[in-house]
Protein backbone atom coordinates (compact mmCIF):
# COMPACT_ATOMS: atom_id res chain seq x y z
CA MET A 1 0.00 0.00 0.00
CA LYS A 2 1.37 3.39 -1.05
CA SER A 3 1.31 5.96 1.78
CA GLU A 4 1.82 9.68 1.29
CA LEU A 5 1.59 12.68 3.63
CA ILE A 6 0.64 16.07 2.16
CA VAL A 7 1.12 19.16 4.36
CA ASP A 8 -0.51 22.44 3.32
CA VAL A 9 0.83 25.38 5.36
CA GLN A 10 -1.27 28.55 5.04
CA PRO A 11 -0.95 31.85 6.96
CA GLY A 12 -3.83 30.96 9.28
CA GLU A 13 -3.76 27.16 9.54
CA VAL A 14 -1.93 23.95 8.70
CA SER A 15 -3.78 21.09 6.95
CA ILE A 16 -2.35 17.57 6.94
CA ALA A 17 -3.71 14.88 4.60
CA LEU A 18 -2.78 11.20 4.74
CA LEU A 19 -3.24 9.32 1.46
CA GLU A 20 -3.27 5.56 1.06
CA ASP A 21 -3.09 4.50 -2.60
CA SER A 22 -3.96 8.13 -3.47
CA ARG A 23 -7.19 7.93 -1.42
CA LEU A 24 -7.74 10.40 1.41
CA VAL A 25 -8.04 8.52 4.71
CA SER A 26 -7.15 11.18 7.29
CA LEU A 27 -7.35 14.97 7.36
CA GLN A 28 -6.31 17.24 10.22
CA LYS A 29 -6.54 21.01 10.39
CA GLU A 30 -4.87 23.15 13.03
CA GLY A 31 -4.59 26.90 13.52
CA ARG A 32 -0.97 28.01 13.44
CA ASN A 33 -1.36 29.79 16.78
CA ILE A 34 -3.42 27.07 18.46
CA SER A 35 -3.07 26.57 22.20
CA TYR A 36 -4.26 23.87 24.58
CA ALA A 37 -3.37 20.99 22.28
CA VAL A 38 -3.14 17.42 23.53
CA GLY A 39 0.24 16.83 25.21
CA ASP A 40 0.90 20.44 26.24
CA ILE A 41 1.96 20.90 29.88
CA TYR A 42 0.89 23.91 31.95
CA LEU A 43 1.71 25.32 35.32
CA ALA A 44 -1.87 25.81 36.52
CA LYS A 45 -3.77 26.90 39.62
CA VAL A 46 -6.74 25.15 41.22
CA LYS A 47 -9.73 27.50 41.07
CA LYS A 48 -12.47 25.59 42.87
CA LEU A 49 -13.33 22.09 44.05
CA MET A 50 -16.49 20.17 43.14
CA PRO A 51 -16.91 17.44 45.79
CA GLY A 52 -20.10 16.21 44.14
CA LEU A 53 -18.14 15.43 40.96
CA ASN A 54 -14.99 14.49 42.92
CA ALA A 55 -13.14 16.86 40.64
CA ALA A 56 -11.58 20.31 40.44
CA PHE A 57 -11.80 23.19 38.00
CA VAL A 58 -8.34 24.44 37.16
CA ASN A 59 -7.18 27.71 35.58
CA VAL A 60 -4.78 27.03 32.69
CA GLY A 61 -5.40 30.38 31.01
CA TYR A 62 -8.22 29.18 28.76
CA GLU A 63 -11.52 31.11 28.67
CA LYS A 64 -13.21 28.11 30.33
CA ASP A 65 -11.71 26.46 33.40
CA ALA A 66 -10.17 23.04 32.70
CA PHE A 67 -11.51 19.87 34.33
CA LEU A 68 -9.39 17.60 36.55
CA HIS A 69 -11.02 14.48 38.00
CA TYR A 70 -9.74 12.68 41.08
CA LEU A 71 -8.91 9.55 39.06
CA ASP A 72 -6.78 11.68 36.71
CA LEU A 73 -4.46 12.57 39.60
CA GLY A 74 -2.89 9.13 39.22
CA PRO A 75 -1.83 6.65 41.92
CA ASN A 76 1.57 8.34 42.40
CA PHE A 77 0.14 11.79 43.13
CA ALA A 78 1.81 11.99 46.56
CA THR A 79 5.28 11.49 45.03
CA TYR A 80 4.44 13.91 42.21
CA ALA A 81 3.17 16.57 44.65
CA GLY A 82 6.38 16.47 46.70
CA LEU A 83 8.56 17.07 43.64
CA VAL A 84 6.31 19.86 42.28
CA ASN A 85 6.26 21.67 45.63
CA GLN A 86 10.05 21.52 45.86
CA THR A 87 10.41 22.68 42.25
CA LEU A 88 8.22 25.74 42.75
CA ASP A 89 9.96 26.72 46.01
CA VAL A 90 12.81 28.89 44.71
CA LYS A 91 14.46 28.82 48.16
CA LYS A 92 15.15 25.11 47.79
CA LYS A 93 17.52 23.39 45.41
CA MET A 94 16.17 22.10 42.13
CA PRO A 95 15.07 18.50 42.78
CA HIS A 96 16.00 15.45 40.72
CA ILE A 97 13.31 12.86 40.18
CA GLU A 98 15.82 10.02 40.45
CA LYS A 99 16.55 11.00 44.06
CA ILE A 100 12.95 11.60 45.17
CA ALA A 101 11.73 9.14 47.78
CA ARG A 102 8.59 7.38 46.57
CA GLN A 103 5.45 7.89 48.65
CA PRO A 104 2.60 5.38 49.09
CA GLU A 105 -0.03 5.35 46.36
CA ILE A 106 -3.18 7.36 47.03
CA ASP A 107 -6.53 5.66 47.68
CA LYS A 108 -8.32 5.21 44.36
CA HIS A 109 -11.63 5.71 46.19
CA GLY A 110 -10.50 8.90 47.93
CA SER A 111 -11.87 12.44 47.75
CA ILE A 112 -10.51 15.40 45.82
CA THR A 113 -10.89 17.60 48.90
CA ASP A 114 -8.30 15.50 50.75
CA LEU A 115 -5.56 16.27 48.23
CA LEU A 116 -6.28 19.66 46.65
CA ALA A 117 -7.31 23.12 47.80
CA PRO A 118 -8.18 26.32 45.87
CA GLY A 119 -5.08 28.28 44.93
CA ARG A 120 -2.75 25.28 44.81
CA GLU A 121 -0.35 25.19 41.86
CA LEU A 122 0.02 22.03 39.80
CA LEU A 123 1.78 20.77 36.70
CA VAL A 124 -0.97 19.45 34.43
CA GLN A 125 -1.10 17.98 30.93
CA ILE A 126 -3.87 18.37 28.34
CA VAL A 127 -5.47 15.00 27.52
CA LYS A 128 -8.54 16.34 25.71
CA GLU A 129 -8.74 19.61 23.81
CA PRO A 130 -11.61 22.10 24.38
CA ILE A 131 -14.74 20.71 22.71
CA SER A 132 -17.95 22.69 22.20
CA SER A 133 -18.66 24.62 25.41
CA LYS A 134 -16.29 22.55 27.55
CA GLY A 135 -12.79 23.48 28.62
CA PRO A 136 -9.75 21.19 28.33
CA ARG A 137 -9.54 17.88 30.24
CA LEU A 138 -6.41 17.51 32.39
CA THR A 139 -4.24 14.92 34.10
CA THR A 140 -1.31 15.08 36.49
CA GLU A 141 -0.03 11.75 35.15
CA ILE A 142 2.41 13.45 32.81
CA SER A 143 3.91 11.60 29.86
CA PHE A 144 6.28 12.38 26.99
CA THR A 145 5.70 10.61 23.68
CA GLY A 146 8.53 9.64 21.38
CA ARG A 147 8.76 7.58 18.24
CA ASN A 148 9.62 4.31 20.00
CA MET A 149 8.49 4.85 23.59
CA VAL A 150 6.40 6.88 26.00
CA LEU A 151 8.21 8.15 29.12
CA ILE A 152 6.11 8.47 32.31
CA PRO A 153 7.63 10.34 35.29
CA PHE A 154 6.79 8.76 38.69
CA GLY A 155 5.94 5.50 37.00
CA GLU A 156 7.80 2.25 37.62
CA LYS A 157 6.47 -0.30 35.15
CA VAL A 158 7.83 -1.15 31.71
CA SER A 159 5.01 -2.15 29.35
CA VAL A 160 5.33 -3.48 25.81
CA SER A 161 2.87 -2.93 22.96
CA GLN A 162 0.59 -5.90 22.38
CA LYS A 163 1.02 -5.39 18.63
CA ILE A 164 4.55 -6.79 18.87
CA SER A 165 3.83 -10.45 18.17
CA SER A 166 7.22 -12.01 18.98
CA SER A 167 7.53 -13.08 22.63
CA ALA A 168 11.32 -13.10 22.36
CA GLU A 169 11.33 -9.50 21.09
CA LYS A 170 9.04 -8.42 23.93
CA VAL A 171 11.43 -9.92 26.48
CA ARG A 172 14.45 -8.32 24.79
CA LEU A 173 12.89 -4.86 24.72
CA ARG A 174 11.65 -5.06 28.32
CA LYS A 175 15.08 -6.09 29.66
CA LEU A 176 16.82 -3.47 27.54
CA ILE A 177 14.60 -0.60 28.70
CA GLU A 178 14.75 -1.69 32.34
CA SER A 179 18.53 -1.52 32.16
CA ILE A 180 18.73 2.00 30.70
CA LYS A 181 15.73 3.87 32.15
CA PRO A 182 16.38 6.32 35.02
CA GLU A 183 14.96 5.69 38.49
CA ASN A 184 11.33 6.73 39.11
CA PHE A 185 10.39 6.62 35.44
CA GLY A 186 7.96 4.27 33.76
CA VAL A 187 8.07 3.42 30.05
CA ILE A 188 5.60 2.17 27.46
CA ILE A 189 7.42 0.56 24.54
CA ARG A 190 5.66 1.35 21.26
CA THR A 191 5.25 -0.97 18.28
CA SER A 192 7.81 0.97 16.24
CA ALA A 193 10.55 -0.04 18.74
CA GLU A 194 10.50 -3.59 17.39
CA GLY A 195 13.96 -4.52 16.14
CA LYS A 196 15.58 -1.23 17.24
CA LYS A 197 19.15 -1.24 18.58
CA VAL A 198 20.14 -0.13 22.06
CA GLN A 199 21.95 3.01 20.83
CA GLU A 200 18.82 4.35 19.13
CA LEU A 201 16.61 3.64 22.15
CA MET A 202 19.12 5.22 24.55
CA ALA A 203 19.30 8.37 22.42
CA GLU A 204 15.52 8.72 22.49
CA MET A 205 15.42 8.06 26.24
CA ARG A 206 17.88 10.92 26.84
CA GLN A 207 15.83 13.20 24.60
CA LEU A 208 12.61 12.49 26.51
CA THR A 209 14.19 12.92 29.97
CA LYS A 210 15.61 16.25 28.79
CA ARG A 211 12.08 17.41 27.92
CA TRP A 212 11.03 16.63 31.49
CA ASP A 213 13.98 18.53 32.97
CA ASP A 214 13.32 21.52 30.69
CA ALA A 215 9.63 21.59 31.68
CA LEU A 216 10.53 21.64 35.39
CA ALA A 217 13.10 24.39 34.87
CA LYS A 218 10.57 26.54 32.99
CA ALA A 219 7.87 25.93 35.62
CA ARG A 220 10.25 27.16 38.33
CA GLN A 221 10.59 30.50 36.53
CA SER A 222 6.91 30.91 35.55
CA VAL A 223 3.79 32.33 37.16
CA ALA A 224 0.60 30.28 36.89
CA PRO A 225 -1.11 29.91 34.50
CA ALA A 226 1.74 29.38 32.05
CA LEU A 227 2.70 26.97 29.26
CA VAL A 228 5.87 25.11 30.28
CA TYR A 229 6.06 22.45 27.58
CA GLU A 230 4.56 22.47 24.10
CA GLU A 231 4.05 19.34 22.04
CA GLU A 232 5.65 19.17 18.63
CA THR A 233 3.80 20.78 15.75
CA ARG A 234 0.81 18.81 14.51
CA ALA A 235 2.67 17.92 11.30
CA VAL A 236 5.57 16.36 13.22
CA GLY A 237 3.14 14.74 15.69
CA VAL A 238 1.13 13.11 12.90
CA LEU A 239 4.29 11.93 11.22
CA ARG A 240 5.56 10.49 14.52
CA ASP A 241 2.40 8.43 14.95
CA VAL A 242 1.80 7.21 11.40
CA PHE A 243 5.28 7.09 9.83
CA ASN A 244 6.58 3.72 8.74
CA PRO A 245 9.20 2.56 6.24
CA SER A 246 6.51 2.03 3.58
CA PHE A 247 6.01 5.80 3.23
CA GLU A 248 6.93 6.79 -0.31
CA SER A 249 6.75 10.57 -0.09
CA ILE A 250 6.01 13.52 2.17
CA HIS A 251 5.19 16.78 0.38
CA VAL A 252 5.10 20.16 2.14
CA ASN A 253 4.77 23.69 0.74
CA ASP A 254 6.54 25.58 3.55
CA ALA A 255 10.33 25.76 3.93
CA ASP A 256 10.41 25.83 7.76
CA THR A 257 8.05 22.87 8.11
CA PHE A 258 10.01 21.07 5.40
CA ASP A 259 13.21 21.43 7.44
CA ARG A 260 11.50 20.11 10.60
CA LEU A 261 10.03 17.09 8.88
CA ARG A 262 13.24 16.26 7.05
CA ASP A 263 15.24 16.51 10.28
CA TYR A 264 12.76 14.25 12.05
CA VAL A 265 12.78 11.59 9.33
CA GLY A 266 16.57 11.86 9.08
CA ALA A 267 16.88 11.24 12.83
CA ILE A 268 14.77 8.07 12.90
CA LEU A 269 15.46 6.68 9.43
CA PRO A 270 18.42 8.45 7.73
CA GLU A 271 18.13 6.49 4.49
CA LYS A 272 14.56 7.81 4.04
CA SER A 273 15.23 11.53 4.59
CA ASP A 274 15.01 12.24 0.85
CA ILE A 275 11.30 11.28 0.73
CA VAL A 276 10.49 14.67 2.30
CA LYS A 277 10.05 17.04 -0.62
CA LEU A 278 9.42 20.78 -0.79
CA TYR A 279 6.50 21.68 -3.05
CA ALA A 280 7.19 24.99 -4.79
CA GLU A 281 4.58 25.08 -7.57
CA GLU A 282 2.00 27.90 -7.77
CA THR A 283 -0.94 25.50 -8.07
CA PRO A 284 -2.31 24.86 -4.54
CA ILE A 285 -0.73 21.69 -3.15
CA PHE A 286 -4.08 20.08 -2.30
CA ASP A 287 -5.31 20.70 -5.86
CA HIS A 288 -2.15 19.18 -7.32
CA PHE A 289 -2.60 15.92 -5.42
CA GLY A 290 -6.37 15.73 -5.93
CA ILE A 291 -7.19 16.27 -2.25
CA THR A 292 -9.53 19.26 -2.67
CA ARG A 293 -11.89 17.23 -4.85
CA GLN A 294 -11.89 14.37 -2.35
CA ILE A 295 -12.66 16.77 0.52
CA LYS A 296 -15.61 18.22 -1.40
CA SER A 297 -17.04 14.74 -2.04
CA SER A 298 -16.25 13.18 1.35
CA PHE A 299 -17.57 15.81 3.76
CA GLY A 300 -21.06 17.15 4.19
CA LYS A 301 -24.29 15.55 5.33
CA THR A 302 -24.67 13.08 2.43
CA VAL A 303 -21.79 10.93 1.19
CA SER A 304 -22.23 8.70 -1.86
CA PHE A 305 -20.26 5.54 -2.55
CA LYS A 306 -20.39 2.70 -5.07
CA SER A 307 -23.43 1.79 -7.16
CA GLY A 308 -25.57 4.79 -6.18
CA ALA A 309 -25.86 3.94 -2.48
CA TYR A 310 -25.16 6.65 0.10
CA ILE A 311 -24.96 7.39 3.82
CA ILE A 312 -26.36 10.36 5.75
CA ILE A 313 -24.30 11.62 8.70
CA GLU A 314 -25.92 13.72 11.42
CA HIS A 315 -24.14 15.22 14.44
CA THR A 316 -25.72 15.96 17.82
CA GLU A 317 -24.26 17.06 21.14
CA ALA A 318 -24.43 13.53 22.56
CA LEU A 319 -23.72 11.27 19.58
CA HIS A 320 -23.32 10.83 15.83
CA VAL A 321 -26.02 9.10 13.75
CA ILE A 322 -25.33 7.44 10.39
CA ASP A 323 -28.13 6.16 8.13
CA VAL A 324 -27.38 3.73 5.30
CA ASN A 325 -29.49 3.99 2.12
CA SER A 326 -29.41 1.87 -1.03
CA GLY A 327 -30.55 4.83 -3.18
CA ASN A 328 -31.18 4.07 -6.85
CA ARG A 329 -28.66 1.25 -6.81
CA ALA A 330 -29.05 -1.18 -9.67
CA ARG A 331 -29.79 -4.52 -8.06
CA SER A 332 -27.52 -7.32 -9.22
CA SER A 333 -29.80 -9.96 -7.73
CA ALA A 334 -33.50 -10.42 -7.21
CA ASP A 335 -32.80 -11.45 -3.61
CA GLN A 336 -33.46 -8.46 -1.35
CA GLU A 337 -31.47 -10.00 1.52
CA THR A 338 -28.36 -10.38 -0.64
CA ASN A 339 -28.66 -6.84 -1.91
CA ALA A 340 -29.03 -5.51 1.64
CA LEU A 341 -25.89 -7.37 2.73
CA ASP A 342 -23.93 -6.07 -0.27
CA VAL A 343 -24.93 -2.44 0.40
CA ASN A 344 -24.20 -2.77 4.12
CA LEU A 345 -20.71 -4.20 3.53
CA ARG A 346 -19.85 -1.37 1.15
CA ALA A 347 -21.31 1.15 3.57
CA ALA A 348 -19.14 -0.29 6.36
CA GLU A 349 -16.03 0.44 4.29
CA GLU A 350 -17.04 4.07 3.80
CA ILE A 351 -18.10 4.50 7.44
CA ALA A 352 -14.78 3.17 8.74
CA ARG A 353 -13.04 5.69 6.48
CA GLN A 354 -15.33 8.53 7.56
CA LEU A 355 -14.68 7.91 11.27
CA ARG A 356 -10.93 8.37 10.69
CA LEU A 357 -11.35 11.17 8.17
CA ARG A 358 -13.62 13.32 10.36
CA ASP A 359 -12.00 12.09 13.61
CA MET A 360 -15.47 11.37 14.95
CA GLY A 361 -15.47 10.47 18.65
CA GLY A 362 -17.90 9.55 21.37
CA ILE A 363 -20.94 7.41 20.54
CA ILE A 364 -21.70 6.53 16.92
CA VAL A 365 -25.01 4.83 16.05
CA ILE A 366 -25.33 3.28 12.58
CA ASP A 367 -28.69 2.34 11.08
CA PHE A 368 -27.87 -0.34 8.52
CA ILE A 369 -30.41 -1.75 6.07
CA ASP A 370 -32.41 -4.46 7.82
CA MET A 371 -31.23 -8.06 7.31
CA ALA A 372 -33.25 -11.07 8.42
CA LYS A 373 -30.48 -13.69 8.48
CA VAL A 374 -28.36 -13.97 11.62
CA GLU A 375 -25.30 -15.08 9.63
CA HIS A 376 -25.47 -11.90 7.53
CA ARG A 377 -25.58 -9.73 10.66
CA GLN A 378 -22.59 -11.57 12.09
CA LYS A 379 -20.68 -11.22 8.84
CA LEU A 380 -21.27 -7.45 8.83
CA PHE A 381 -20.18 -7.16 12.48
CA GLU A 382 -16.94 -9.10 11.87
CA TYR A 383 -16.22 -7.11 8.70
CA MET A 384 -16.61 -3.81 10.57
CA ARG A 385 -14.22 -5.02 13.28
CA GLU A 386 -11.72 -5.98 10.57
CA LEU A 387 -12.00 -2.54 8.91
CA MET A 388 -11.57 -0.72 12.23
CA ALA A 389 -8.54 -2.79 13.28
CA THR A 390 -6.18 -0.25 11.68
CA ASP A 391 -7.80 2.72 13.48
CA ARG A 392 -5.31 4.10 16.02
CA ALA A 393 -8.05 5.63 18.20
CA ARG A 394 -9.37 3.36 20.95
CA HIS A 395 -12.81 2.02 20.04
CA ASN A 396 -15.40 -0.59 20.90
CA ILE A 397 -17.94 -2.14 18.50
CA LEU A 398 -21.17 -3.87 19.52
CA PRO A 399 -23.03 -6.41 17.36
CA LEU A 400 -26.17 -5.33 15.52
CA SER A 401 -29.26 -5.04 17.68
CA LYS A 402 -32.60 -6.56 16.72
CA PHE A 403 -33.48 -3.17 15.22
CA GLY A 404 -30.47 -3.32 12.86
CA LEU A 405 -28.47 -0.70 14.79
CA MET A 406 -24.73 -0.93 15.39
CA GLN A 407 -23.19 1.06 18.23
CA ILE A 408 -19.55 2.17 18.24
CA THR A 409 -17.67 4.15 20.86
CA ARG A 410 -14.51 5.86 19.68
CA GLN A 411 -11.94 7.85 21.63
CA ARG A 412 -12.41 11.59 21.34
CA VAL A 413 -9.54 13.89 22.32
CA ARG A 414 -10.21 16.87 20.03
CA PRO A 415 -13.21 18.40 18.26
CA ASP A 416 -14.61 16.53 15.27
CA LEU A 417 -13.48 17.87 11.93
CA GLU A 418 -16.41 19.51 10.18
CA ILE A 419 -15.94 21.05 6.72
CA GLU A 420 -18.80 22.90 5.04
CA THR A 421 -18.98 21.65 1.47
CA THR A 422 -21.81 23.92 0.34
CA GLU A 423 -20.59 27.27 -0.94
CA LYS A 424 -21.90 30.69 -0.08
CA CYS A 425 -22.18 32.90 -3.12
CA PRO A 426 -19.22 35.29 -2.91
CA SER A 427 -21.00 37.88 -5.06
CA CYS A 428 -24.26 38.26 -3.13
CA MET A 429 -23.07 36.89 0.26
CA GLY A 430 -26.31 34.94 0.64
CA LYS A 431 -28.71 37.78 -0.30
CA GLY A 432 -29.84 36.09 -3.53
CA GLU A 433 -28.80 38.76 -6.05
CA VAL A 434 -25.55 38.63 -7.99
CA MET A 435 -23.74 40.81 -10.44
CA PRO A 436 -23.98 39.77 -14.12
CA SER A 437 -21.55 36.85 -14.58
CA LEU A 438 -20.48 38.28 -17.92
CA LEU A 439 -19.04 41.33 -16.13
CA PHE A 440 -17.01 39.29 -13.63
CA THR A 441 -13.91 39.52 -15.79
CA ASP A 442 -14.22 43.31 -15.75
CA THR A 443 -14.17 43.16 -11.94
CA LEU A 444 -11.02 41.01 -11.99
CA ARG A 445 -9.33 43.44 -14.41
CA GLU A 446 -10.29 46.32 -12.13
CA LYS A 447 -8.93 44.50 -9.03
CA LEU A 448 -5.64 43.77 -10.76
CA ASP A 449 -5.30 47.44 -11.71
CA TYR A 450 -6.11 48.49 -8.11
CA CYS A 451 -3.60 46.00 -6.71
CA ILE A 452 -0.78 47.17 -9.01
CA ASN A 453 -1.39 50.91 -9.30
CA GLY A 454 -3.34 51.52 -6.10
CA LEU A 455 -1.45 49.30 -3.64
CA GLY A 456 1.90 49.11 -5.46
CA GLN A 457 2.01 45.30 -5.41
CA SER A 458 4.05 43.15 -7.76
CA ASN A 459 4.91 39.45 -8.21
CA PHE A 460 1.56 38.40 -6.76
CA VAL A 461 -0.80 35.55 -7.69
CA MET A 462 -4.55 35.86 -8.21
CA TYR A 463 -6.41 32.60 -7.59
CA VAL A 464 -9.77 32.02 -9.33
CA HIS A 465 -12.14 29.12 -9.99
CA PRO A 466 -10.78 26.68 -12.64
CA TYR A 467 -13.64 27.51 -15.06
CA VAL A 468 -12.88 31.23 -14.80
CA GLU A 469 -9.15 30.60 -15.24
CA ALA A 470 -9.83 28.55 -18.38
CA TYR A 471 -12.02 31.35 -19.82
CA ILE A 472 -9.44 34.06 -19.07
CA LYS A 473 -6.64 32.09 -20.71
CA LYS A 474 -8.72 30.91 -23.67
CA GLY A 475 -6.99 31.60 -26.95
CA LEU A 476 -3.35 31.24 -27.88
CA PHE A 477 -2.58 34.84 -28.94
CA SER A 478 -5.68 36.85 -27.98
CA SER A 479 -6.55 35.72 -24.46
CA LEU A 480 -7.69 38.15 -21.77
CA TYR A 481 -4.74 37.00 -19.68
CA ARG A 482 -2.21 38.06 -22.34
CA THR A 483 -4.03 41.36 -22.90
CA TRP A 484 -4.04 42.21 -19.17
CA ARG A 485 -0.36 41.34 -18.82
CA ASN A 486 0.49 43.62 -21.73
CA GLU A 487 -1.57 46.48 -20.31
CA LEU A 488 -0.64 46.20 -16.61
CA GLY A 489 2.82 44.72 -16.85
CA ARG A 490 3.96 41.22 -16.04
CA LYS A 491 3.60 41.73 -12.28
CA PHE A 492 0.97 39.05 -11.64
CA LYS A 493 -0.13 35.53 -12.48
CA ILE A 494 -3.58 33.97 -12.54
CA VAL A 495 -3.80 30.40 -11.19
CA ALA A 496 -6.75 28.01 -10.76
CA ASP A 497 -7.80 27.00 -7.23
CA GLN A 498 -10.42 24.24 -6.85
CA SER A 499 -11.34 25.31 -3.31
CA LEU A 500 -12.85 28.60 -4.54
CA ALA A 501 -16.47 29.15 -5.51
CA TYR A 502 -17.43 30.06 -9.08
CA LEU A 503 -17.27 33.88 -8.76
CA GLN A 504 -14.73 34.02 -5.96
CA TYR A 505 -11.11 35.11 -6.05
CA LYS A 506 -8.22 35.79 -3.72
CA VAL A 507 -4.80 37.38 -4.12
CA ILE A 508 -1.65 36.17 -2.39
CA GLY A 509 1.26 38.60 -2.25
CA GLN A 510 4.98 38.04 -2.58
CA ASN A 511 5.22 37.50 1.20
CA LYS A 512 2.63 34.65 1.05
CA GLN A 513 0.00 36.80 2.83
CA GLU A 514 -3.46 37.40 1.39
CA ILE A 515 -4.01 40.94 0.06
CA ASP A 516 -7.29 42.61 1.00
CA LEU A 517 -8.67 44.13 -2.22
CA ARG A 518 -11.90 45.48 -0.79
CA GLU A 519 -12.25 49.13 -1.71
CA GLU A 520 -14.56 51.61 -0.03
CA LYS A 521 -17.10 51.31 -2.82
CA ASP A 522 -17.27 47.52 -2.37
CA VAL A 523 -18.38 47.91 1.24
CA SER A 524 -20.47 51.06 1.04
CA SER A 525 -22.38 50.21 -2.14
CA SER A 526 -24.07 47.15 -0.69
CA ALA A 527 -24.84 48.96 2.57
CA THR A 528 -26.34 51.91 0.69
CA LYS A 529 -28.34 49.57 -1.48
CA ASN A 530 -29.74 47.75 1.54
CA LYS A 531 -30.74 51.05 3.20
CA ARG A 532 -32.44 52.19 -0.01
CA LYS A 533 -34.40 48.92 -0.17
CA ALA A 534 -35.49 49.27 3.45
CA LYS A 535 -36.75 52.81 2.85
CA THR A 536 -38.65 51.70 -0.25
CA ARG A 537 -40.31 48.84 1.63
CA ALA A 538 -41.32 51.18 4.48
CA LYS A 539 -42.80 53.67 2.02
CA ASN A 540 -44.76 50.98 0.19
CA ASP A 541 -46.10 49.60 3.45
CA GLY A 542 -47.35 53.10 4.37
CA ASP A 543 -48.97 53.64 0.97
CA ASP A 544 -50.73 50.25 1.07
CA ALA A 545 -52.38 50.91 4.45
CA SER A 546 -56.19 51.34 4.06
CA PRO A 547 -58.27 53.88 6.04
CA SER A 548 -59.81 51.02 8.01
CA ASP A 549 -56.35 50.13 9.28
CA SER A 550 -55.98 53.52 10.92
CA PRO A 551 -56.89 53.89 14.58
CA ALA A 552 -60.26 55.51 15.36
CA VAL A 553 -60.18 59.13 16.56
């Protein structure tokens, strides 16, 4: 299977697409200035206790207080608390976790009021990003994730991934890690550590322990709430989790991100560092690799798949509901039961993809087409489990109920990815009236003139819908594009962008920032027009009033 990672870095956000055999299977979007991401560590302050919930609300600097449950304190909270208190006391020497005396584990049935009080400072880690109206979810069981292992301060166990099938390799890795790990650290050995040599594992262990030391040093100098450790960028984090030697290429359109990804791949697999490639073409990177088209067809309420069948996906606050429909599918057999099974199996493939693609978490209820035979229901259940086996998020699948419903729970650590596939008319902004399409090219010519002569821009790119771009460049010697370049100078290019609506355009300057081409007339004309319409309606309403409508004198 051919795996590719495509990274689109824009001024406001970073989009990461994972392709398997050129098919989009995962898409992640992240604002470039995002905070409170999973894995970040904060020096925080307890704001108030909630004994009824056995939890505390904690101030990490987010607009909503974060949530910390008693069970998320971890069994080694007493040992952790002693080190944190000593770290934050500047009068005492900086502590070393290897020399900290371990305290007894806390009672797992205890109360939050016995361990915390308002105003207390803690080191906490984000385990779930803010979702909807809720703040982040926290833990004091801090961990640092690497390519081959997860380092857990105050832990003591060495665990090995169950996906490593060889018993001999499990024993080798466990003995190796136990011999090199520092005191008072626990380790989870990841699947990618299989077959790794001791030098590589030792180097990663030193790197992870240094992150812990740096976080403590920064916490000592900070005032709560403050960020003391930030997880790697989402692009590097995704690569860390999904990268394997079968990756054929990683394309990125930003030089800084390119350097980070190449350094990361070079550190873990030097012979593969050349698969990271810098994309420097003017065509948007997602358009070039056919991702924009797949996004348009894969998101939205209705998603079609083979033979005319389709699924409808609805989102609520509590759960996600998916309805399977056969549509106008041409039936290959007169047997309704066989047709229902065939549609359900194909729907299961698309649903398993959609769960990863949209990162849907929580409870998912699927209404498959009813099947009477028990063996067909069992076959569908086993096929769904097989499809979901490659999903890295923790999940649980229940067999079909007697109503034909399948229930799935899937780990949710960040908001579901929702992309609006319907397009708002850029000319009328939803009002229902647009400028004559024939005059749109005149508007573009006017905007180019304003950009060059009014704003003094040069070497910029105007992006338009592919149909508009084809019309502008139609003709070998007499195209509008050639005429405009001759009249205004060769200071611009016009490039197609599939993500734009039909009469939409945008201009990106030489510094890769979008240029605002709205002139005063663009804003004021519509406002004046709306006011004029309102006055006309009010006048007509007054003229239409009959004498009987007037109040009696």
